[in-house]
Protein backbone atom coordinates (compact mmCIF):
# COMPACT_ATOMS: atom_id res chain seq x y z
CA UNK A 1 -146.39 -149.28 -31.71
CA UNK A 2 -147.20 -145.87 -30.82
CA UNK A 3 -150.67 -147.01 -30.27
CA UNK A 4 -149.70 -147.87 -26.83
CA UNK A 5 -149.43 -144.24 -26.16
CA UNK A 6 -153.17 -143.66 -27.26
CA UNK A 7 -154.43 -145.31 -23.96
CA UNK A 8 -152.47 -143.07 -21.57
CA UNK A 9 -154.37 -140.52 -19.62
CA UNK A 10 -153.53 -137.33 -21.29
CA UNK A 11 -154.37 -134.79 -18.43
CA UNK A 12 -151.51 -135.71 -16.12
CA UNK A 13 -147.80 -136.28 -16.62
CA UNK A 14 -146.58 -139.92 -16.25
CA UNK A 15 -143.09 -141.31 -15.67
CA UNK A 16 -141.31 -142.81 -18.69
CA UNK A 17 -137.62 -144.15 -19.42
CA UNK A 18 -135.77 -144.53 -22.51
CA UNK A 19 -132.14 -144.47 -23.82
CA UNK A 20 -130.48 -141.62 -25.15
CA UNK A 21 -129.45 -142.34 -28.94
CA UNK A 22 -128.27 -138.97 -30.62
CA UNK A 23 -128.70 -135.41 -31.01
CA UNK A 24 -130.22 -133.67 -34.12
CA UNK A 25 -131.90 -130.62 -35.25
CA UNK A 26 -135.07 -129.69 -36.97
CA UNK A 27 -135.59 -126.49 -39.13
CA UNK A 28 -138.34 -124.12 -38.30
CA UNK A 29 -139.58 -121.14 -40.20
CA UNK A 30 -140.34 -117.67 -38.35
CA UNK A 31 -143.06 -115.57 -39.44
CA UNK A 32 -140.82 -113.99 -42.08
CA UNK A 33 -139.99 -117.41 -43.57
CA UNK A 34 -136.51 -117.24 -42.19
CA UNK A 35 -135.05 -120.62 -41.23
CA UNK A 36 -134.04 -121.24 -37.67
CA UNK A 37 -132.41 -124.45 -36.42
CA UNK A 38 -133.88 -125.98 -33.19
CA UNK A 39 -131.95 -128.78 -31.29
CA UNK A 40 -133.55 -132.11 -30.70
CA UNK A 41 -132.45 -135.42 -29.28
CA UNK A 42 -133.56 -138.86 -30.03
CA UNK A 43 -134.74 -141.18 -27.05
CA UNK A 44 -135.07 -144.95 -28.02
CA UNK A 45 -137.02 -148.01 -26.43
CA UNK A 46 -139.40 -145.72 -24.58
CA UNK A 47 -141.24 -147.42 -21.71
CA UNK A 48 -143.69 -146.44 -19.22
CA UNK A 49 -143.23 -146.94 -15.47
CA UNK A 50 -144.38 -150.63 -15.46
CA UNK A 51 -141.80 -151.38 -18.30
CA UNK A 52 -144.07 -151.84 -20.99
CA UNK A 53 -142.59 -150.82 -24.39
CA UNK A 54 -144.51 -147.87 -25.78
CA UNK A 55 -142.33 -146.99 -28.94
CA UNK A 56 -138.88 -147.76 -30.41
CA UNK A 57 -138.29 -143.89 -30.54
CA UNK A 58 -139.27 -140.51 -29.83
CA UNK A 59 -137.74 -137.24 -30.88
CA UNK A 60 -137.76 -134.38 -28.30
CA UNK A 61 -136.75 -130.66 -28.16
CA UNK A 62 -133.46 -130.52 -26.48
CA UNK A 63 -134.67 -128.34 -23.63
CA UNK A 64 -132.77 -126.73 -20.86
CA UNK A 65 -133.78 -129.36 -18.70
CA UNK A 66 -132.04 -131.89 -21.02
CA UNK A 67 -129.16 -129.66 -21.42
CA UNK A 68 -128.56 -129.41 -17.71
CA UNK A 69 -127.38 -133.09 -17.88
CA UNK A 70 -124.39 -132.14 -20.06
CA UNK A 71 -123.17 -134.12 -23.09
CA UNK A 72 -125.11 -137.30 -22.91
CA UNK A 73 -123.53 -140.53 -24.25
CA UNK A 74 -125.29 -142.98 -26.55
CA UNK A 75 -126.93 -145.74 -24.46
CA UNK A 76 -127.39 -143.59 -21.33
CA UNK A 77 -130.74 -144.48 -19.70
CA UNK A 78 -133.08 -141.42 -18.81
CA UNK A 79 -135.93 -141.13 -16.67
CA UNK A 80 -138.67 -138.29 -17.11
CA UNK A 81 -142.19 -137.36 -16.74
CA UNK A 82 -144.27 -136.33 -19.71
CA UNK A 83 -147.72 -135.87 -21.30
CA UNK A 84 -149.17 -138.13 -23.79
CA UNK A 85 -150.67 -136.27 -26.66
CA UNK A 86 -151.75 -136.63 -30.29
CA UNK A 87 -150.47 -134.80 -33.28
CA UNK A 88 -150.71 -134.61 -37.07
CA UNK A 89 -147.71 -136.39 -38.75
CA UNK A 90 -146.87 -136.14 -42.50
CA UNK A 91 -146.75 -133.82 -45.32
CA UNK A 92 -149.69 -131.48 -46.16
CA UNK A 93 -152.23 -133.68 -47.72
CA UNK A 94 -150.77 -136.83 -46.23
CA UNK A 95 -151.30 -136.11 -42.59
CA UNK A 96 -152.26 -138.83 -40.25
CA UNK A 97 -152.91 -138.84 -36.34
CA UNK A 98 -150.05 -140.20 -34.31
CA UNK A 99 -149.10 -140.27 -30.78
CA UNK A 100 -146.26 -138.67 -28.82
CA UNK A 101 -144.90 -137.50 -25.43
CA UNK A 102 -144.46 -134.08 -24.73
CA UNK A 103 -143.15 -131.43 -22.26
CA UNK A 104 -140.69 -133.66 -20.47
CA UNK A 105 -139.76 -132.55 -16.77
CA UNK A 106 -137.97 -134.14 -13.98
CA UNK A 107 -135.56 -135.42 -16.42
CA UNK A 108 -132.71 -137.44 -14.92
CA UNK A 109 -129.89 -140.04 -15.61
CA UNK A 110 -130.68 -143.34 -14.15
CA UNK A 111 -126.85 -143.69 -13.30
CA UNK A 112 -125.50 -140.35 -13.08
CA UNK A 113 -121.96 -139.79 -14.02
CA UNK A 114 -119.54 -137.03 -15.04
CA UNK A 115 -120.68 -135.15 -18.41
CA UNK A 116 -118.96 -132.33 -20.06
CA UNK A 117 -120.98 -129.10 -20.01
CA UNK A 118 -122.88 -128.12 -23.06
CA UNK A 119 -122.86 -124.62 -24.68
CA UNK A 120 -125.36 -121.96 -23.63
CA UNK A 121 -125.35 -120.00 -26.86
CA UNK A 122 -127.80 -121.49 -29.37
CA UNK A 123 -125.58 -121.10 -32.36
CA UNK A 124 -122.64 -122.79 -30.53
CA UNK A 125 -125.00 -125.51 -29.45
CA UNK A 126 -126.38 -126.10 -32.96
CA UNK A 127 -122.76 -126.10 -34.02
CA UNK A 128 -121.80 -128.80 -31.67
CA UNK A 129 -124.63 -130.98 -32.88
CA UNK A 130 -123.61 -130.59 -36.58
CA UNK A 131 -120.08 -131.30 -35.69
CA UNK A 132 -121.02 -134.32 -33.59
CA UNK A 133 -123.14 -135.72 -36.54
CA UNK A 134 -121.23 -134.15 -39.32
CA UNK A 135 -120.32 -137.36 -41.21
CA UNK A 136 -123.91 -138.96 -40.86
CA UNK A 137 -125.28 -135.30 -42.03
CA UNK A 138 -123.24 -135.07 -45.09
CA UNK A 139 -123.89 -138.76 -46.26
CA UNK A 140 -127.61 -138.09 -45.76
CA UNK A 141 -127.64 -134.49 -47.25
CA UNK A 142 -128.42 -132.69 -44.20
CA UNK A 143 -126.95 -129.19 -43.59
CA UNK A 144 -123.76 -128.64 -41.70
CA UNK A 145 -123.38 -124.79 -41.71
CA UNK A 146 -119.73 -123.99 -41.39
CA UNK A 147 -120.56 -120.74 -39.55
CA UNK A 148 -122.22 -122.80 -36.84
CA UNK A 149 -119.41 -125.36 -36.64
CA UNK A 150 -116.83 -122.72 -36.55
CA UNK A 151 -118.70 -120.93 -33.66
CA UNK A 152 -118.65 -124.33 -31.71
CA UNK A 153 -114.96 -125.00 -32.58
CA UNK A 154 -114.17 -121.54 -31.22
CA UNK A 155 -116.27 -122.08 -28.01
CA UNK A 156 -114.58 -125.64 -27.64
CA UNK A 157 -111.07 -123.93 -27.93
CA UNK A 158 -111.97 -121.23 -25.47
CA UNK A 159 -113.36 -123.91 -22.81
CA UNK A 160 -110.59 -126.26 -22.78
């Protein structure tokens, strides 16, 4: 289905919409091989500005522009501008070309509402993601780092 993205002009951003589904994280390695968590969010049923379905889901980095919206609720409709690009997907030796939307800007909720603020501190923010998804992560074998969860728990207590 992402083949619908391949025909989009890649030189200028276009407007898209999709539903917030959930948060997540990916693990990056720095130049010394040290693992670093990076927050992500899942957007589903991504459509172009004509309403044409482009893909069933896309993962985005949880940028400051997304964070500014506060704690999103699953099912909330987002509108944003982004660039269509290609990338190599898969494990080394099994790569194949895929299509994505990147660098989202002008992010907004179609129906704004009150949302709790999100932590500014990266460790606390990752802790919130791990705590929010703890049951799913434990079932699927993903890391739930107690140090990060505790940092979030302390932040939540301090910000009641």
